[in-house]
Amino acid sequence: MSRIKLLLDVVEDMRSLADSIQAVAEALAGSEPEPEAAPAAEPAPPKPTITLETLRARLGEISRAGYTAAVHDLIQKHGATHLSKVDPEDYDTLLKEAEALVHAT
């Protein structure tokens, strides 16, 4: 077979395939549409988390600025004796409270 004959056969097969796809699409369009599901709510973007190292660095700065006792009290307020014992979920809150110490004066 020549290459042209092979190409013509491929074109014919593609047209046949296109007709079959069109028939399937028409059959689906003719059937009863399924009720649309309610759009899923977009999940809330993940809350930025502060690492222990970042928290330790910032609390160190605040402590050196003269708020050592207040920083220690905040750590105890969060149920820990040392910063490393503070629950990671409390890091954001602890940092905000510590920042408030500096901005309060």
PDB file of N, CA and C in Angstrom:
ATOM      1  N   MET A   1       0.841  -1.181   0.000  1.00  0.00           N
ATOM      2  CA  MET A   1       0.000   0.000   0.000  1.00  0.00           C
ATOM      3  C   MET A   1       0.885   1.242   0.000  1.00  0.00           C
ATOM      4  N   SER A   2       0.409   2.213  -0.655  1.00  0.00           N
ATOM      5  CA  SER A   2       1.181   3.449  -0.697  1.00  0.00           C
ATOM      6  C   SER A   2       0.880   4.273   0.561  1.00  0.00           C
ATOM      7  N   ARG A   3       1.713   5.215   0.806  1.00  0.00           N
ATOM      8  CA  ARG A   3       1.540   6.067   1.992  1.00  0.00           C
ATOM      9  C   ARG A   3       0.259   6.879   1.884  1.00  0.00           C
ATOM     10  N   ILE A   4      -0.074   7.310   0.719  1.00  0.00           N
ATOM     11  CA  ILE A   4      -1.295   8.108   0.539  1.00  0.00           C
ATOM     12  C   ILE A   4      -2.514   7.269   0.870  1.00  0.00           C
ATOM     13  N   LYS A   5      -2.514   6.018   0.459  1.00  0.00           N
ATOM     14  CA  LYS A   5      -3.641   5.121   0.762  1.00  0.00           C
ATOM     15  C   LYS A   5      -3.746   4.937   2.279  1.00  0.00           C
ATOM     16  N   LEU A   6      -2.592   4.784   2.942  1.00  0.00           N
ATOM     17  CA  LEU A   6      -2.604   4.640   4.400  1.00  0.00           C
ATOM     18  C   LEU A   6      -3.143   5.896   5.075  1.00  0.00           C
ATOM     19  N   LEU A   7      -2.728   7.048   4.611  1.00  0.00           N
ATOM     20  CA  LEU A   7      -3.224   8.301   5.169  1.00  0.00           C
ATOM     21  C   LEU A   7      -4.728   8.458   4.953  1.00  0.00           C
ATOM     22  N   LEU A   8      -5.211   8.064   3.774  1.00  0.00           N
ATOM     23  CA  LEU A   8      -6.650   8.142   3.512  1.00  0.00           C
ATOM     24  C   LEU A   8      -7.418   7.201   4.440  1.00  0.00           C
ATOM     25  N   ASP A   9      -6.864   6.038   4.713  1.00  0.00           N
ATOM     26  CA  ASP A   9      -7.504   5.099   5.644  1.00  0.00           C
ATOM     27  C   ASP A   9      -7.555   5.694   7.057  1.00  0.00           C
ATOM     28  N   VAL A  10      -6.477   6.356   7.446  1.00  0.00           N
ATOM     29  CA  VAL A  10      -6.437   6.995   8.783  1.00  0.00           C
ATOM     30  C   VAL A  10      -7.493   8.089   8.858  1.00  0.00           C
ATOM     31  N   VAL A  11      -7.588   8.901   7.816  1.00  0.00           N
ATOM     32  CA  VAL A  11      -8.585   9.975   7.794  1.00  0.00           C
ATOM     33  C   VAL A  11      -9.994   9.386   7.884  1.00  0.00           C
ATOM     34  N   GLU A  12     -10.257   8.332   7.175  1.00  0.00           N
ATOM     35  CA  GLU A  12     -11.571   7.691   7.204  1.00  0.00           C
ATOM     36  C   GLU A  12     -11.878   7.158   8.608  1.00  0.00           C
ATOM     37  N   ASP A  13     -10.870   6.526   9.211  1.00  0.00           N
ATOM     38  CA  ASP A  13     -11.058   6.015  10.575  1.00  0.00           C
ATOM     39  C   ASP A  13     -11.324   7.154  11.563  1.00  0.00           C
ATOM     40  N   MET A  14     -10.633   8.290  11.391  1.00  0.00           N
ATOM     41  CA  MET A  14     -10.835   9.431  12.284  1.00  0.00           C
ATOM     42  C   MET A  14     -12.231  10.015  12.113  1.00  0.00           C
ATOM     43  N   ARG A  15     -12.714  10.057  10.885  1.00  0.00           N
ATOM     44  CA  ARG A  15     -14.081  10.554  10.661  1.00  0.00           C
ATOM     45  C   ARG A  15     -15.095   9.622  11.311  1.00  0.00           C
ATOM     46  N   SER A  16     -14.849   8.340  11.197  1.00  0.00           N
ATOM     47  CA  SER A  16     -15.735   7.357  11.812  1.00  0.00           C
ATOM     48  C   SER A  16     -15.738   7.520  13.330  1.00  0.00           C
ATOM     49  N   LEU A  17     -14.549   7.735  13.875  1.00  0.00           N
ATOM     50  CA  LEU A  17     -14.432   7.958  15.320  1.00  0.00           C
ATOM     51  C   LEU A  17     -15.157   9.236  15.729  1.00  0.00           C
ATOM     52  N   ALA A  18     -14.999  10.294  14.955  1.00  0.00           N
ATOM     53  CA  ALA A  18     -15.674  11.558  15.256  1.00  0.00           C
ATOM     54  C   ALA A  18     -17.187  11.383  15.224  1.00  0.00           C
ATOM     55  N   ASP A  19     -17.691  10.620  14.241  1.00  0.00           N
ATOM     56  CA  ASP A  19     -19.133  10.352  14.174  1.00  0.00           C
ATOM     57  C   ASP A  19     -19.599   9.581  15.402  1.00  0.00           C
ATOM     58  N   SER A  20     -18.803   8.628  15.838  1.00  0.00           N
ATOM     59  CA  SER A  20     -19.174   7.851  17.023  1.00  0.00           C
ATOM     60  C   SER A  20     -19.192   8.722  18.273  1.00  0.00           C
ATOM     61  N   ILE A  21     -18.207   9.585  18.396  1.00  0.00           N
ATOM     62  CA  ILE A  21     -18.158  10.488  19.561  1.00  0.00           C
ATOM     63  C   ILE A  21     -19.346  11.439  19.533  1.00  0.00           C
ATOM     64  N   GLN A  22     -19.687  11.921  18.368  1.00  0.00           N
ATOM     65  CA  GLN A  22     -20.828  12.822  18.252  1.00  0.00           C
ATOM     66  C   GLN A  22     -22.117  12.100  18.631  1.00  0.00           C
ATOM     67  N   ALA A  23     -22.284  10.855  18.212  1.00  0.00           N
ATOM     68  CA  ALA A  23     -23.480  10.089  18.552  1.00  0.00           C
ATOM     69  C   ALA A  23     -23.577   9.886  20.061  1.00  0.00           C
ATOM     70  N   VAL A  24     -22.460   9.599  20.704  1.00  0.00           N
ATOM     71  CA  VAL A  24     -22.461   9.434  22.166  1.00  0.00           C
ATOM     72  C   VAL A  24     -22.833  10.750  22.839  1.00  0.00           C
ATOM     73  N   ALA A  25     -22.263  11.861  22.374  1.00  0.00           N
ATOM     74  CA  ALA A  25     -22.557  13.165  22.955  1.00  0.00           C
ATOM     75  C   ALA A  25     -24.032  13.519  22.801  1.00  0.00           C
ATOM     76  N   GLU A  26     -24.599  13.239  21.641  1.00  0.00           N
ATOM     77  CA  GLU A  26     -26.017  13.516  21.422  1.00  0.00           C
ATOM     78  C   GLU A  26     -26.888  12.636  22.305  1.00  0.00           C
ATOM     79  N   ALA A  27     -26.472  11.388  22.500  1.00  0.00           N
ATOM     80  CA  ALA A  27     -27.237  10.490  23.360  1.00  0.00           C
ATOM     81  C   ALA A  27     -27.209  10.988  24.801  1.00  0.00           C
ATOM     82  N   LEU A  28     -26.067  11.464  25.239  1.00  0.00           N
ATOM     83  CA  LEU A  28     -25.966  11.992  26.603  1.00  0.00           C
ATOM     84  C   LEU A  28     -26.756  13.279  26.756  1.00  0.00           C
ATOM     85  N   ALA A  29     -26.735  14.118  25.731  1.00  0.00           N
ATOM     86  CA  ALA A  29     -27.466  15.382  25.798  1.00  0.00           C
ATOM     87  C   ALA A  29     -28.969  15.129  25.793  1.00  0.00           C
ATOM     88  N   GLY A  30     -29.410  14.067  25.139  1.00  0.00           N
ATOM     89  CA  GLY A  30     -30.836  13.757  25.066  1.00  0.00           C
ATOM     90  C   GLY A  30     -31.368  13.121  26.338  1.00  0.00           C
ATOM     91  N   SER A  31     -30.503  12.539  27.138  1.00  0.00           N
ATOM     92  CA  SER A  31     -30.962  11.918  28.375  1.00  0.00           C
ATOM     93  C   SER A  31     -31.247  13.000  29.404  1.00  0.00           C
ATOM     94  N   GLU A  32     -31.987  12.611  30.447  1.00  0.00           N
ATOM     95  CA  GLU A  32     -32.322  13.588  31.485  1.00  0.00           C
ATOM     96  C   GLU A  32     -31.047  14.060  32.167  1.00  0.00           C
ATOM     97  N   PRO A  33     -30.945  15.363  32.299  1.00  0.00           N
ATOM     98  CA  PRO A  33     -29.747  15.860  32.973  1.00  0.00           C
ATOM     99  C   PRO A  33     -29.793  15.499  34.459  1.00  0.00           C
ATOM    100  N   GLU A  34     -28.659  15.152  34.971  1.00  0.00           N
ATOM    101  CA  GLU A  34     -28.583  14.833  36.390  1.00  0.00           C
ATOM    102  C   GLU A  34     -28.653  16.124  37.181  1.00  0.00           C
ATOM    103  N   PRO A  35     -29.299  16.082  38.331  1.00  0.00           N
ATOM    104  CA  PRO A  35     -29.334  17.307  39.130  1.00  0.00           C
ATOM    105  C   PRO A  35     -27.908  17.694  39.515  1.00  0.00           C
ATOM    106  N   GLU A  36     -27.660  18.976  39.390  1.00  0.00           N
ATOM    107  CA  GLU A  36     -26.313  19.447  39.693  1.00  0.00           C
ATOM    108  C   GLU A  36     -26.089  19.435  41.191  1.00  0.00           C
ATOM    109  N   ALA A  37     -24.965  18.935  41.561  1.00  0.00           N
ATOM    110  CA  ALA A  37     -24.606  18.942  42.975  1.00  0.00           C
ATOM    111  C   ALA A  37     -24.252  20.370  43.369  1.00  0.00           C
ATOM    112  N   ALA A  38     -24.523  20.685  44.601  1.00  0.00           N
ATOM    113  CA  ALA A  38     -24.178  22.017  45.083  1.00  0.00           C
ATOM    114  C   ALA A  38     -22.667  22.185  44.977  1.00  0.00           C
ATOM    115  N   PRO A  39     -22.241  23.344  44.520  1.00  0.00           N
ATOM    116  CA  PRO A  39     -20.796  23.530  44.401  1.00  0.00           C
ATOM    117  C   PRO A  39     -20.134  23.416  45.771  1.00  0.00           C
ATOM    118  N   ALA A  40     -19.068  22.680  45.780  1.00  0.00           N
ATOM    119  CA  ALA A  40     -18.361  22.488  47.044  1.00  0.00           C
ATOM    120  C   ALA A  40     -17.726  23.806  47.470  1.00  0.00           C
ATOM    121  N   ALA A  41     -17.855  24.090  48.736  1.00  0.00           N
ATOM    122  CA  ALA A  41     -17.258  25.311  49.253  1.00  0.00           C
ATOM    123  C   ALA A  41     -15.744  25.186  49.193  1.00  0.00           C
ATOM    124  N   GLU A  42     -15.116  26.254  48.792  1.00  0.00           N
ATOM    125  CA  GLU A  42     -13.667  26.240  48.727  1.00  0.00           C
ATOM    126  C   GLU A  42     -13.120  26.147  50.146  1.00  0.00           C
ATOM    127  N   PRO A  43     -12.180  25.257  50.362  1.00  0.00           N
ATOM    128  CA  PRO A  43     -11.623  25.178  51.705  1.00  0.00           C
ATOM    129  C   PRO A  43     -10.894  26.475  52.047  1.00  0.00           C
ATOM    130  N   ALA A  44     -10.963  26.831  53.292  1.00  0.00           N
ATOM    131  CA  ALA A  44     -10.297  28.048  53.728  1.00  0.00           C
ATOM    132  C   ALA A  44      -8.800  27.898  53.503  1.00  0.00           C
ATOM    133  N   PRO A  45      -8.168  28.967  53.077  1.00  0.00           N
ATOM    134  CA  PRO A  45      -6.728  28.856  52.881  1.00  0.00           C
ATOM    135  C   PRO A  45      -6.053  28.511  54.196  1.00  0.00           C
ATOM    136  N   PRO A  46      -5.028  27.692  54.131  1.00  0.00           N
ATOM    137  CA  PRO A  46      -4.386  27.308  55.378  1.00  0.00           C
ATOM    138  C   PRO A  46      -3.833  28.517  56.102  1.00  0.00           C
ATOM    139  N   LYS A  47      -4.061  28.522  57.396  1.00  0.00           N
ATOM    140  CA  LYS A  47      -3.607  29.624  58.216  1.00  0.00           C
ATOM    141  C   LYS A  47      -2.082  29.576  58.284  1.00  0.00           C
ATOM    142  N   PRO A  48      -1.427  30.706  58.062  1.00  0.00           N
ATOM    143  CA  PRO A  48       0.024  30.661  58.127  1.00  0.00           C
ATOM    144  C   PRO A  48       0.462  30.263  59.537  1.00  0.00           C
ATOM    145  N   THR A  49       1.332  29.311  59.597  1.00  0.00           N
ATOM    146  CA  THR A  49       1.789  28.858  60.898  1.00  0.00           C
ATOM    147  C   THR A  49       3.179  29.400  61.162  1.00  0.00           C
ATOM    148  N   ILE A  50       3.414  29.663  62.387  1.00  0.00           N
ATOM    149  CA  ILE A  50       4.695  30.190  62.818  1.00  0.00           C
ATOM    150  C   ILE A  50       5.503  29.021  63.355  1.00  0.00           C
ATOM    151  N   THR A  51       6.735  28.950  62.973  1.00  0.00           N
ATOM    152  CA  THR A  51       7.585  27.883  63.479  1.00  0.00           C
ATOM    153  C   THR A  51       8.108  28.264  64.859  1.00  0.00           C
ATOM    154  N   LEU A  52       8.537  27.257  65.583  1.00  0.00           N
ATOM    155  CA  LEU A  52       9.097  27.487  66.910  1.00  0.00           C
ATOM    156  C   LEU A  52      10.313  28.408  66.813  1.00  0.00           C
ATOM    157  N   GLU A  53      11.126  28.226  65.789  1.00  0.00           N
ATOM    158  CA  GLU A  53      12.317  29.047  65.632  1.00  0.00           C
ATOM    159  C   GLU A  53      11.960  30.516  65.413  1.00  0.00           C
ATOM    160  N   THR A  54      10.950  30.765  64.589  1.00  0.00           N
ATOM    161  CA  THR A  54      10.509  32.135  64.333  1.00  0.00           C
ATOM    162  C   THR A  54       9.959  32.757  65.603  1.00  0.00           C
ATOM    163  N   LEU A  55       9.132  31.991  66.312  1.00  0.00           N
ATOM    164  CA  LEU A  55       8.556  32.484  67.559  1.00  0.00           C
ATOM    165  C   LEU A  55       9.650  32.765  68.581  1.00  0.00           C
ATOM    166  N   ARG A  56      10.591  31.840  68.694  1.00  0.00           N
ATOM    167  CA  ARG A  56      11.687  32.014  69.657  1.00  0.00           C
ATOM    168  C   ARG A  56      12.497  33.275  69.334  1.00  0.00           C
ATOM    169  N   ALA A  57      12.773  33.501  68.055  1.00  0.00           N
ATOM    170  CA  ALA A  57      13.546  34.682  67.666  1.00  0.00           C
ATOM    171  C   ALA A  57      12.806  35.966  68.018  1.00  0.00           C
ATOM    172  N   ARG A  58      11.534  36.022  67.700  1.00  0.00           N
ATOM    173  CA  ARG A  58      10.770  37.255  67.955  1.00  0.00           C
ATOM    174  C   ARG A  58      10.568  37.474  69.454  1.00  0.00           C
ATOM    175  N   LEU A  59      10.288  36.417  70.192  1.00  0.00           N
ATOM    176  CA  LEU A  59      10.124  36.573  71.639  1.00  0.00           C
ATOM    177  C   LEU A  59      11.451  36.975  72.279  1.00  0.00           C
ATOM    178  N   GLY A  60      12.556  36.502  71.728  1.00  0.00           N
ATOM    179  CA  GLY A  60      13.869  36.918  72.222  1.00  0.00           C
ATOM    180  C   GLY A  60      14.079  38.411  72.037  1.00  0.00           C
ATOM    181  N   GLU A  61      13.677  38.932  70.882  1.00  0.00           N
ATOM    182  CA  GLU A  61      13.792  40.372  70.624  1.00  0.00           C
ATOM    183  C   GLU A  61      12.942  41.158  71.607  1.00  0.00           C
ATOM    184  N   ILE A  62      11.733  40.692  71.829  1.00  0.00           N
ATOM    185  CA  ILE A  62      10.822  41.383  72.741  1.00  0.00           C
ATOM    186  C   ILE A  62      11.365  41.316  74.158  1.00  0.00           C
ATOM    187  N   SER A  63      11.904  40.184  74.522  1.00  0.00           N
ATOM    188  CA  SER A  63      12.479  40.013  75.852  1.00  0.00           C
ATOM    189  C   SER A  63      13.663  40.960  76.052  1.00  0.00           C
ATOM    190  N   ARG A  64      14.526  41.059  75.047  1.00  0.00           N
ATOM    191  CA  ARG A  64      15.684  41.956  75.140  1.00  0.00           C
ATOM    192  C   ARG A  64      15.265  43.429  75.169  1.00  0.00           C
ATOM    193  N   ALA A  65      14.055  43.699  74.694  1.00  0.00           N
ATOM    194  CA  ALA A  65      13.555  45.076  74.710  1.00  0.00           C
ATOM    195  C   ALA A  65      13.016  45.455  76.088  1.00  0.00           C
ATOM    196  N   GLY A  66      13.164  44.551  77.060  1.00  0.00           N
ATOM    197  CA  GLY A  66      12.756  44.881  78.426  1.00  0.00           C
ATOM    198  C   GLY A  66      11.477  44.206  78.884  1.00  0.00           C
ATOM    199  N   TYR A  67      10.999  43.241  78.162  1.00  0.00           N
ATOM    200  CA  TYR A  67       9.736  42.582  78.497  1.00  0.00           C
ATOM    201  C   TYR A  67       9.938  41.116  78.902  1.00  0.00           C
ATOM    202  N   THR A  68      11.064  40.815  79.502  1.00  0.00           N
ATOM    203  CA  THR A  68      11.390  39.430  79.853  1.00  0.00           C
ATOM    204  C   THR A  68      10.338  38.808  80.751  1.00  0.00           C
ATOM    205  N   ALA A  69       9.963  39.508  81.816  1.00  0.00           N
ATOM    206  CA  ALA A  69       8.986  38.966  82.760  1.00  0.00           C
ATOM    207  C   ALA A  69       7.625  38.789  82.089  1.00  0.00           C
ATOM    208  N   ALA A  70       7.233  39.750  81.263  1.00  0.00           N
ATOM    209  CA  ALA A  70       5.942  39.665  80.584  1.00  0.00           C
ATOM    210  C   ALA A  70       5.917  38.497  79.599  1.00  0.00           C
ATOM    211  N   VAL A  71       7.022  38.273  78.885  1.00  0.00           N
ATOM    212  CA  VAL A  71       7.098  37.148  77.944  1.00  0.00           C
ATOM    213  C   VAL A  71       7.008  35.836  78.710  1.00  0.00           C
ATOM    214  N   HIS A  72       7.700  35.761  79.829  1.00  0.00           N
ATOM    215  CA  HIS A  72       7.644  34.556  80.661  1.00  0.00           C
ATOM    216  C   HIS A  72       6.215  34.312  81.153  1.00  0.00           C
ATOM    217  N   ASP A  73       5.538  35.382  81.565  1.00  0.00           N
ATOM    218  CA  ASP A  73       4.141  35.253  82.020  1.00  0.00           C
ATOM    219  C   ASP A  73       3.235  34.756  80.884  1.00  0.00           C
ATOM    220  N   LEU A  74       3.467  35.233  79.665  1.00  0.00           N
ATOM    221  CA  LEU A  74       2.662  34.783  78.523  1.00  0.00           C
ATOM    222  C   LEU A  74       2.868  33.295  78.258  1.00  0.00           C
ATOM    223  N   ILE A  75       4.113  32.851  78.372  1.00  0.00           N
ATOM    224  CA  ILE A  75       4.391  31.424  78.158  1.00  0.00           C
ATOM    225  C   ILE A  75       3.657  30.598  79.207  1.00  0.00           C
ATOM    226  N   GLN A  76       3.693  31.056  80.462  1.00  0.00           N
ATOM    227  CA  GLN A  76       2.974  30.346  81.526  1.00  0.00           C
ATOM    228  C   GLN A  76       1.471  30.405  81.305  1.00  0.00           C
ATOM    229  N   LYS A  77       0.984  31.512  80.784  1.00  0.00           N
ATOM    230  CA  LYS A  77      -0.453  31.653  80.500  1.00  0.00           C
ATOM    231  C   LYS A  77      -0.921  30.581  79.516  1.00  0.00           C
ATOM    232  N   HIS A  78      -0.028  30.178  78.638  1.00  0.00           N
ATOM    233  CA  HIS A  78      -0.360  29.144  77.651  1.00  0.00           C
ATOM    234  C   HIS A  78      -0.059  27.746  78.170  1.00  0.00           C
ATOM    235  N   GLY A  79       0.088  27.617  79.471  1.00  0.00           N
ATOM    236  CA  GLY A  79       0.207  26.306  80.110  1.00  0.00           C
ATOM    237  C   GLY A  79       1.550  25.635  79.968  1.00  0.00           C
ATOM    238  N   ALA A  80       2.609  26.406  79.861  1.00  0.00           N
ATOM    239  CA  ALA A  80       3.932  25.805  79.701  1.00  0.00           C
ATOM    240  C   ALA A  80       4.938  26.513  80.598  1.00  0.00           C
ATOM    241  N   THR A  81       5.976  25.784  80.940  1.00  0.00           N
ATOM    242  CA  THR A  81       7.046  26.389  81.730  1.00  0.00           C
ATOM    243  C   THR A  81       8.164  26.898  80.826  1.00  0.00           C
ATOM    244  N   HIS A  82       8.272  26.327  79.637  1.00  0.00           N
ATOM    245  CA  HIS A  82       9.279  26.736  78.657  1.00  0.00           C
ATOM    246  C   HIS A  82       8.605  26.896  77.306  1.00  0.00           C
ATOM    247  N   LEU A  83       9.212  27.719  76.483  1.00  0.00           N
ATOM    248  CA  LEU A  83       8.644  27.971  75.151  1.00  0.00           C
ATOM    249  C   LEU A  83       8.488  26.682  74.354  1.00  0.00           C
ATOM    250  N   SER A  84       9.421  25.775  74.479  1.00  0.00           N
ATOM    251  CA  SER A  84       9.354  24.522  73.714  1.00  0.00           C
ATOM    252  C   SER A  84       8.179  23.646  74.140  1.00  0.00           C
ATOM    253  N   LYS A  85       7.585  23.915  75.282  1.00  0.00           N
ATOM    254  CA  LYS A  85       6.441  23.130  75.765  1.00  0.00           C
ATOM    255  C   LYS A  85       5.098  23.723  75.339  1.00  0.00           C
ATOM    256  N   VAL A  86       5.108  24.905  74.721  1.00  0.00           N
ATOM    257  CA  VAL A  86       3.870  25.545  74.268  1.00  0.00           C
ATOM    258  C   VAL A  86       3.314  24.760  73.089  1.00  0.00           C
ATOM    259  N   ASP A  87       2.002  24.582  73.074  1.00  0.00           N
ATOM    260  CA  ASP A  87       1.329  23.882  71.978  1.00  0.00           C
ATOM    261  C   ASP A  87       1.520  24.674  70.680  1.00  0.00           C
ATOM    262  N   PRO A  88       1.958  24.035  69.596  1.00  0.00           N
ATOM    263  CA  PRO A  88       2.162  24.755  68.329  1.00  0.00           C
ATOM    264  C   PRO A  88       0.929  25.490  67.829  1.00  0.00           C
ATOM    265  N   GLU A  89      -0.251  25.038  68.197  1.00  0.00           N
ATOM    266  CA  GLU A  89      -1.471  25.740  67.783  1.00  0.00           C
ATOM    267  C   GLU A  89      -1.590  27.099  68.470  1.00  0.00           C
ATOM    268  N   ASP A  90      -0.865  27.297  69.561  1.00  0.00           N
ATOM    269  CA  ASP A  90      -0.925  28.554  70.307  1.00  0.00           C
ATOM    270  C   ASP A  90       0.149  29.548  69.871  1.00  0.00           C
ATOM    271  N   TYR A  91       1.008  29.166  68.934  1.00  0.00           N
ATOM    272  CA  TYR A  91       2.105  30.043  68.531  1.00  0.00           C
ATOM    273  C   TYR A  91       1.606  31.382  68.007  1.00  0.00           C
ATOM    274  N   ASP A  92       0.586  31.358  67.136  1.00  0.00           N
ATOM    275  CA  ASP A  92       0.062  32.608  66.568  1.00  0.00           C
ATOM    276  C   ASP A  92      -0.465  33.519  67.671  1.00  0.00           C
ATOM    277  N   THR A  93      -1.242  32.956  68.576  1.00  0.00           N
ATOM    278  CA  THR A  93      -1.827  33.736  69.657  1.00  0.00           C
ATOM    279  C   THR A  93      -0.744  34.296  70.563  1.00  0.00           C
ATOM    280  N   LEU A  94       0.214  33.461  70.902  1.00  0.00           N
ATOM    281  CA  LEU A  94       1.297  33.891  71.773  1.00  0.00           C
ATOM    282  C   LEU A  94       2.077  35.036  71.140  1.00  0.00           C
ATOM    283  N   LEU A  95       2.362  34.932  69.857  1.00  0.00           N
ATOM    284  CA  LEU A  95       3.098  35.999  69.188  1.00  0.00           C
ATOM    285  C   LEU A  95       2.287  37.294  69.160  1.00  0.00           C
ATOM    286  N   LYS A  96       0.997  37.195  68.898  1.00  0.00           N
ATOM    287  CA  LYS A  96       0.154  38.396  68.883  1.00  0.00           C
ATOM    288  C   LYS A  96       0.125  39.050  70.255  1.00  0.00           C
ATOM    289  N   GLU A  97       0.020  38.248  71.294  1.00  0.00           N
ATOM    290  CA  GLU A  97       0.001  38.796  72.649  1.00  0.00           C
ATOM    291  C   GLU A  97       1.339  39.453  72.988  1.00  0.00           C
ATOM    292  N   ALA A  98       2.424  38.839  72.562  1.00  0.00           N
ATOM    293  CA  ALA A  98       3.742  39.412  72.822  1.00  0.00           C
ATOM    294  C   ALA A  98       3.940  40.712  72.037  1.00  0.00           C
ATOM    295  N   GLU A  99       3.486  40.735  70.803  1.00  0.00           N
ATOM    296  CA  GLU A  99       3.578  41.955  70.003  1.00  0.00           C
ATOM    297  C   GLU A  99       2.751  43.066  70.644  1.00  0.00           C
ATOM    298  N   ALA A 100       1.630  42.705  71.236  1.00  0.00           N
ATOM    299  CA  ALA A 100       0.778  43.704  71.894  1.00  0.00           C
ATOM    300  C   ALA A 100       1.500  44.335  73.074  1.00  0.00           C
ATOM    301  N   LEU A 101       2.364  43.592  73.731  1.00  0.00           N
ATOM    302  CA  LEU A 101       3.142  44.153  74.847  1.00  0.00           C
ATOM    303  C   LEU A 101       3.990  45.328  74.361  1.00  0.00           C
ATOM    304  N   VAL A 102       4.647  45.122  73.228  1.00  0.00           N
ATOM    305  CA  VAL A 102       5.540  46.142  72.700  1.00  0.00           C
ATOM    306  C   VAL A 102       4.760  47.360  72.215  1.00  0.00           C
ATOM    307  N   HIS A 103       3.638  47.108  71.569  1.00  0.00           N
ATOM    308  CA  HIS A 103       2.858  48.207  70.998  1.00  0.00           C
ATOM    309  C   HIS A 103       1.968  48.910  72.014  1.00  0.00           C
ATOM    310  N   ALA A 104       1.831  48.322  73.184  1.00  0.00           N
ATOM    311  CA  ALA A 104       0.965  48.918  74.205  1.00  0.00           C
ATOM    312  C   ALA A 104       1.615  50.129  74.850  1.00  0.00           C
ATOM    313  N   THR A 105       2.930  50.186  74.804  1.00  0.00           N
ATOM    314  CA  THR A 105       3.598  51.318  75.483  1.00  0.00           C
ATOM    315  C   THR A 105       4.035  52.375  74.540  1.00  0.00           C
TER     316      THR A 105
END
